[in-house]
N, C-alpha and C. Protein backbone atom coordinates (compact mmCIF):
# COMPACT_ATOMS: atom_id res chain seq x y z
N MET A 1 1.98 -19.35 3.99
CA MET A 1 1.70 -18.31 3.22
C MET A 1 1.37 -18.48 1.65
N THR A 2 0.55 -18.16 0.88
CA THR A 2 0.37 -19.25 -0.19
C THR A 2 1.17 -18.87 -1.36
N THR A 3 1.23 -19.23 -2.69
CA THR A 3 1.67 -18.56 -4.10
C THR A 3 1.42 -17.23 -4.26
N GLY A 4 0.32 -17.31 -4.57
CA GLY A 4 -1.12 -16.28 -4.74
C GLY A 4 -0.01 -14.74 -4.35
N LEU A 5 -0.59 -15.44 -2.39
CA LEU A 5 -0.21 -14.22 -1.92
C LEU A 5 1.73 -13.57 -1.83
N LYS A 6 1.95 -14.56 -1.96
CA LYS A 6 3.74 -14.20 -2.15
C LYS A 6 3.51 -13.29 -3.57
N ILE A 7 3.45 -13.86 -4.96
CA ILE A 7 2.96 -13.01 -6.29
C ILE A 7 2.97 -11.74 -6.33
N TRP A 8 1.47 -11.22 -4.77
CA TRP A 8 0.89 -10.59 -5.41
C TRP A 8 2.14 -8.97 -4.24
N LEU A 9 2.33 -9.49 -3.51
CA LEU A 9 2.90 -8.78 -2.30
C LEU A 9 4.69 -8.37 -3.21
N TRP A 10 4.85 -9.05 -3.67
CA TRP A 10 6.50 -9.19 -4.74
C TRP A 10 5.38 -7.77 -6.06
N LEU A 11 4.52 -8.11 -6.20
CA LEU A 11 3.96 -7.22 -7.42
C LEU A 11 3.86 -5.81 -6.47
N VAL A 12 3.50 -5.49 -6.06
CA VAL A 12 2.94 -4.39 -4.94
C VAL A 12 4.47 -3.80 -4.43
N LEU A 13 5.00 -4.65 -3.77
CA LEU A 13 6.69 -4.30 -3.71
C LEU A 13 7.42 -3.80 -4.66
N VAL A 14 6.96 -4.61 -6.18
CA VAL A 14 8.03 -3.71 -6.79
C VAL A 14 7.40 -2.48 -7.45
N VAL A 15 5.73 -2.11 -7.83
CA VAL A 15 5.00 -1.28 -8.63
C VAL A 15 5.23 -0.29 -7.24
N ASN A 16 4.74 -0.40 -6.18
CA ASN A 16 5.57 0.87 -4.87
C ASN A 16 7.22 1.67 -4.99
N ALA A 17 7.68 0.51 -5.17
CA ALA A 17 9.28 0.90 -5.47
C ALA A 17 9.35 1.63 -6.40
N ILE A 18 8.82 1.16 -7.73
CA ILE A 18 9.23 2.12 -8.70
C ILE A 18 7.83 3.69 -8.44
N SER A 19 6.83 3.66 -7.92
CA SER A 19 6.01 4.87 -7.94
C SER A 19 6.79 5.89 -6.23
N ALA A 20 8.19 5.36 -5.10
CA ALA A 20 8.53 6.05 -4.66
C ALA A 20 9.27 6.61 -5.38
N VAL A 21 10.22 6.58 -6.28
CA VAL A 21 11.20 6.79 -6.90
C VAL A 21 10.43 8.75 -7.55
N ILE A 22 10.10 7.54 -8.67
CA ILE A 22 8.66 8.78 -9.09
C ILE A 22 7.93 10.00 -8.17
N SER A 23 7.64 9.29 -7.41
CA SER A 23 7.00 10.71 -5.77
C SER A 23 8.16 11.19 -5.60
N ILE A 24 9.21 10.49 -5.41
CA ILE A 24 10.41 11.16 -4.62
C ILE A 24 10.63 12.62 -5.79
N ILE A 25 11.11 12.32 -7.18
CA ILE A 25 10.89 13.16 -8.16
C ILE A 25 10.09 15.14 -8.22
N ALA A 26 8.46 14.01 -8.12
CA ALA A 26 7.79 15.00 -8.09
C ALA A 26 8.11 15.66 -7.09
N ALA A 27 7.88 15.14 -5.56
CA ALA A 27 8.15 16.02 -4.67
C ALA A 27 9.25 16.98 -3.97
N LEU A 28 10.54 16.99 -5.12
CA LEU A 28 11.44 17.99 -5.29
C LEU A 28 10.77 19.59 -5.92
N VAL A 29 9.98 18.91 -6.93
CA VAL A 29 9.16 20.40 -7.56
C VAL A 29 7.94 20.92 -6.63
N LEU A 30 7.35 19.70 -5.87
CA LEU A 30 6.19 20.00 -5.49
C LEU A 30 6.37 19.71 -3.61
N PRO A 31 7.02 20.53 -3.02
CA PRO A 31 6.57 19.76 -1.63
C PRO A 31 5.36 18.85 -0.73
N MET A 32 4.55 19.22 -1.13
CA MET A 32 3.57 18.68 -0.55
C MET A 32 3.29 16.99 -1.22
N LEU A 33 3.78 16.70 -2.44
CA LEU A 33 3.86 15.31 -2.29
C LEU A 33 5.16 14.52 -1.86
N TRP A 34 5.47 15.15 -0.41
CA TRP A 34 6.06 14.33 0.76
C TRP A 34 5.77 12.93 1.40
N VAL A 35 4.09 13.75 1.29
CA VAL A 35 2.80 12.84 2.00
C VAL A 35 2.89 11.51 1.59
N THR A 36 2.86 11.93 0.18
CA THR A 36 2.41 10.79 -0.82
C THR A 36 3.35 9.84 -0.69
N VAL A 37 4.99 10.05 -1.08
CA VAL A 37 5.98 9.63 -0.24
C VAL A 37 6.08 8.40 0.79
N ILE A 38 5.63 9.60 1.44
CA ILE A 38 5.44 8.70 2.91
C ILE A 38 4.67 7.33 2.61
N ALA A 39 3.27 7.81 2.07
CA ALA A 39 2.25 6.34 2.07
C ALA A 39 3.22 5.47 1.24
N THR A 40 4.06 5.70 0.57
CA THR A 40 4.19 4.81 -0.30
C THR A 40 5.11 3.98 0.21
N ILE A 41 6.01 4.36 1.42
CA ILE A 41 6.93 3.53 2.00
C ILE A 41 6.39 2.75 2.77
N LEU A 42 5.13 3.38 3.31
CA LEU A 42 4.24 2.63 4.28
C LEU A 42 4.29 1.23 3.55
N VAL A 43 3.47 1.47 2.38
CA VAL A 43 2.84 0.53 1.47
C VAL A 43 4.10 -0.39 1.60
N ILE A 44 5.68 -0.39 0.89
CA ILE A 44 6.62 -0.86 1.02
C ILE A 44 6.82 -2.16 2.02
N VAL A 45 7.26 -1.33 3.24
CA VAL A 45 7.45 -1.41 4.94
C VAL A 45 6.14 -2.73 4.95
N GLY A 46 5.15 -2.33 5.01
CA GLY A 46 4.14 -3.49 5.15
C GLY A 46 4.27 -4.63 4.17
N ALA A 47 4.21 -4.19 2.75
CA ALA A 47 4.82 -5.67 1.74
C ALA A 47 5.93 -6.59 2.37
N VAL A 48 6.31 -5.55 2.42
CA VAL A 48 8.32 -6.39 3.48
C VAL A 48 7.65 -7.70 4.46
N MET A 49 6.91 -6.60 5.37
CA MET A 49 6.37 -7.14 6.75
C MET A 49 6.44 -8.09 6.78
N LEU A 50 4.92 -8.30 5.31
CA LEU A 50 3.86 -9.45 5.19
C LEU A 50 4.77 -10.43 4.72
N LEU A 51 5.51 -10.34 3.61
CA LEU A 51 6.62 -12.00 3.44
C LEU A 51 7.55 -12.02 4.57
N GLN A 52 7.95 -11.60 5.57
CA GLN A 52 8.06 -12.44 6.53
C GLN A 52 7.12 -12.49 7.64
N THR A 53 5.84 -12.64 7.14
CA THR A 53 5.23 -13.02 7.79
C THR A 53 4.89 -12.52 9.61
N LYS A 54 4.20 -11.76 9.77
CA LYS A 54 4.11 -10.46 10.24
C LYS A 54 2.82 -9.74 10.06
N LYS A 55 1.77 -9.69 10.42
CA LYS A 55 0.68 -9.32 10.45
C LYS A 55 0.66 -8.04 10.24
N THR A 56 1.30 -7.21 11.28
CA THR A 56 1.80 -5.48 11.37
C THR A 56 2.15 -4.83 9.82
N GLY A 57 1.95 -5.63 8.76
CA GLY A 57 2.63 -5.07 7.03
C GLY A 57 0.93 -5.05 7.02
N PHE A 58 0.00 -5.95 6.78
CA PHE A 58 -1.32 -5.81 7.07
C PHE A 58 -1.81 -4.43 7.12
N TYR A 59 -1.51 -4.30 8.47
CA TYR A 59 -1.94 -2.99 9.24
C TYR A 59 -1.84 -1.89 8.84
N LEU A 60 -0.29 -1.48 8.19
CA LEU A 60 0.56 -0.55 8.14
C LEU A 60 -0.09 -0.32 6.27
N ILE A 61 0.01 -1.08 5.51
CA ILE A 61 -1.11 -1.23 4.36
C ILE A 61 -1.89 -0.50 4.11
N CYS A 62 -3.37 -1.22 5.07
CA CYS A 62 -4.53 -0.83 5.58
C CYS A 62 -4.17 1.64 6.11
N GLY A 63 -3.57 1.91 7.05
CA GLY A 63 -3.35 2.60 6.86
C GLY A 63 -2.75 3.30 5.68
N ALA A 64 -1.57 2.80 5.07
CA ALA A 64 -1.06 3.56 4.16
C ALA A 64 -2.19 3.63 2.90
N SER A 65 -3.65 2.89 3.20
CA SER A 65 -4.43 3.47 2.26
C SER A 65 -5.22 4.40 2.56
N VAL A 66 -5.34 4.50 3.59
CA VAL A 66 -6.17 5.85 4.16
C VAL A 66 -6.13 6.93 4.34
N ILE A 67 -4.49 7.02 4.01
CA ILE A 67 -3.99 8.27 3.99
C ILE A 67 -3.40 8.67 2.69
N ALA A 68 -3.55 7.50 1.57
CA ALA A 68 -3.82 8.48 0.09
C ALA A 68 -5.27 8.76 -0.49
N LEU A 69 -6.44 7.85 0.61
CA LEU A 69 -6.86 8.47 0.59
C LEU A 69 -8.01 9.80 0.74
N ILE A 70 -7.39 10.21 1.89
CA ILE A 70 -7.32 11.41 2.14
C ILE A 70 -6.52 12.28 1.39
N ILE A 71 -5.33 11.72 0.81
CA ILE A 71 -4.30 13.14 -0.43
C ILE A 71 -5.30 13.14 -1.25
N ASN A 72 -5.79 12.02 -2.40
CA ASN A 72 -6.44 12.03 -3.11
C ASN A 72 -7.66 12.68 -3.17
N VAL A 73 -8.38 12.92 -1.60
CA VAL A 73 -10.00 14.00 -1.47
C VAL A 73 -9.57 14.87 -1.85
N VAL A 74 -8.05 15.34 -0.88
CA VAL A 74 -7.76 16.33 -0.88
C VAL A 74 -7.60 17.06 -1.79
N SER A 75 -7.05 16.69 -3.00
CA SER A 75 -6.29 17.11 -4.23
C SER A 75 -7.22 17.54 -5.07
N GLY A 76 -9.09 16.67 -5.14
CA GLY A 76 -9.85 17.11 -5.42
C GLY A 76 -9.96 16.09 -6.75
N GLN A 77 -9.48 15.14 -6.72
CA GLN A 77 -10.10 13.92 -7.77
C GLN A 77 -11.25 12.91 -7.16
N ASN A 78 -11.29 12.19 -8.08
CA ASN A 78 -12.96 11.74 -7.43
C ASN A 78 -13.19 10.96 -6.33
N ILE A 79 -14.23 10.96 -5.45
CA ILE A 79 -14.00 10.55 -4.66
C ILE A 79 -13.88 9.18 -4.86
N VAL A 80 -15.34 8.75 -5.77
CA VAL A 80 -15.77 7.26 -5.98
C VAL A 80 -14.67 6.20 -6.25
N SER A 81 -13.63 6.47 -7.25
CA SER A 81 -12.30 5.93 -7.59
C SER A 81 -11.26 6.35 -6.50
N SER A 82 -11.25 6.96 -5.76
CA SER A 82 -10.26 7.07 -4.61
C SER A 82 -10.68 6.31 -3.81
N LEU A 83 -12.00 5.91 -3.76
CA LEU A 83 -12.48 5.22 -2.70
C LEU A 83 -12.17 4.07 -2.92
N ILE A 84 -12.28 3.55 -3.83
CA ILE A 84 -12.29 1.87 -4.55
C ILE A 84 -10.47 1.93 -4.32
N SER A 85 -9.59 2.67 -5.32
CA SER A 85 -8.37 1.92 -4.94
C SER A 85 -7.74 1.87 -3.46
N ALA A 86 -8.16 3.03 -2.75
CA ALA A 86 -8.03 2.49 -1.25
C ALA A 86 -8.16 0.97 -0.85
N VAL A 87 -9.43 0.97 -1.21
CA VAL A 87 -9.95 -0.65 -0.58
C VAL A 87 -9.44 -1.25 -1.30
N LEU A 88 -8.98 -1.85 -3.02
CA LEU A 88 -8.83 -2.54 -3.93
C LEU A 88 -7.46 -3.65 -3.13
N MET A 89 -6.97 -3.19 -2.39
CA MET A 89 -5.35 -3.35 -2.23
C MET A 89 -5.18 -4.20 -0.98
N PRO A 90 -6.08 -3.69 0.26
CA PRO A 90 -5.77 -4.19 1.68
C PRO A 90 -6.92 -5.33 0.91
N LEU A 91 -8.06 -5.21 -0.08
CA LEU A 91 -9.24 -6.05 0.20
C LEU A 91 -8.46 -7.15 -0.77
N ILE A 92 -7.54 -7.12 -1.76
CA ILE A 92 -7.04 -8.20 -2.36
C ILE A 92 -5.75 -9.29 -1.51
N ILE A 93 -5.24 -8.63 -0.66
CA ILE A 93 -4.30 -8.66 0.42
C ILE A 93 -4.91 -9.77 1.41
N TYR A 94 -6.11 -8.93 2.04
CA TYR A 94 -6.90 -9.72 3.03
C TYR A 94 -7.39 -11.69 2.52
N LEU A 95 -8.12 -10.88 1.08
CA LEU A 95 -8.32 -12.33 0.56
C LEU A 95 -7.52 -13.30 0.32
N LEU A 96 -6.16 -12.85 0.12
CA LEU A 96 -5.53 -13.71 -0.56
C LEU A 96 -4.44 -14.27 1.14
N MET A 97 -4.56 -13.51 1.98
CA MET A 97 -4.39 -14.13 3.37
C MET A 97 -5.46 -14.58 4.30
N ARG A 98 -6.44 -14.34 4.19
CA ARG A 98 -7.41 -15.24 5.38
C ARG A 98 -7.07 -16.40 5.34
N LYS A 99 -7.01 -17.22 4.43
CA LYS A 99 -6.82 -19.08 4.91
C LYS A 99 -5.62 -19.26 5.49
N THR A 100 -4.68 -18.52 5.12
CA THR A 100 -3.33 -18.83 6.19
C THR A 100 -3.33 -17.54 7.82
N TRP A 101 -4.07 -16.48 7.77
CA TRP A 101 -4.28 -15.82 8.34
C TRP A 101 -3.24 -16.07 9.85
N ASN A 102 -3.63 -16.76 10.32
CA ASN A 102 -2.92 -17.34 11.78
C ASN A 102 -1.78 -17.87 11.96
N GLU A 103 -1.03 -18.04 10.25
CA GLU A 103 0.37 -18.13 10.03
C GLU A 103 1.03 -16.89 10.24
N PHE A 104 0.57 -15.84 10.25
CA PHE A 104 1.26 -14.41 10.53
C PHE A 104 1.13 -14.04 11.69
N VAL A 105 2.13 -13.82 12.31
CA VAL A 105 1.93 -13.22 14.21
C VAL A 105 2.02 -11.44 14.31
């Protein structure tokens, strides 16, 4: 695993942990936001799995991105920006992983 990938995964982990706390607080007011909390937790679990060199973590992050895209579109946000945000994180992770893809089990 490259140093760049480790740094990126730790950044993803910290940012999504903060986002999860904020989402939980918001979900107490709007129960529909529990889906967002679940998607955020999937990203956190995926990042931890990738840090443990488990390829399944990448697929969890991709799945969470699809869930986030659906949530954004259903809630009426801009489809183009939602699509870009859903593709960007998994794409960056893939680009950082691709040279060492075979190291992941």
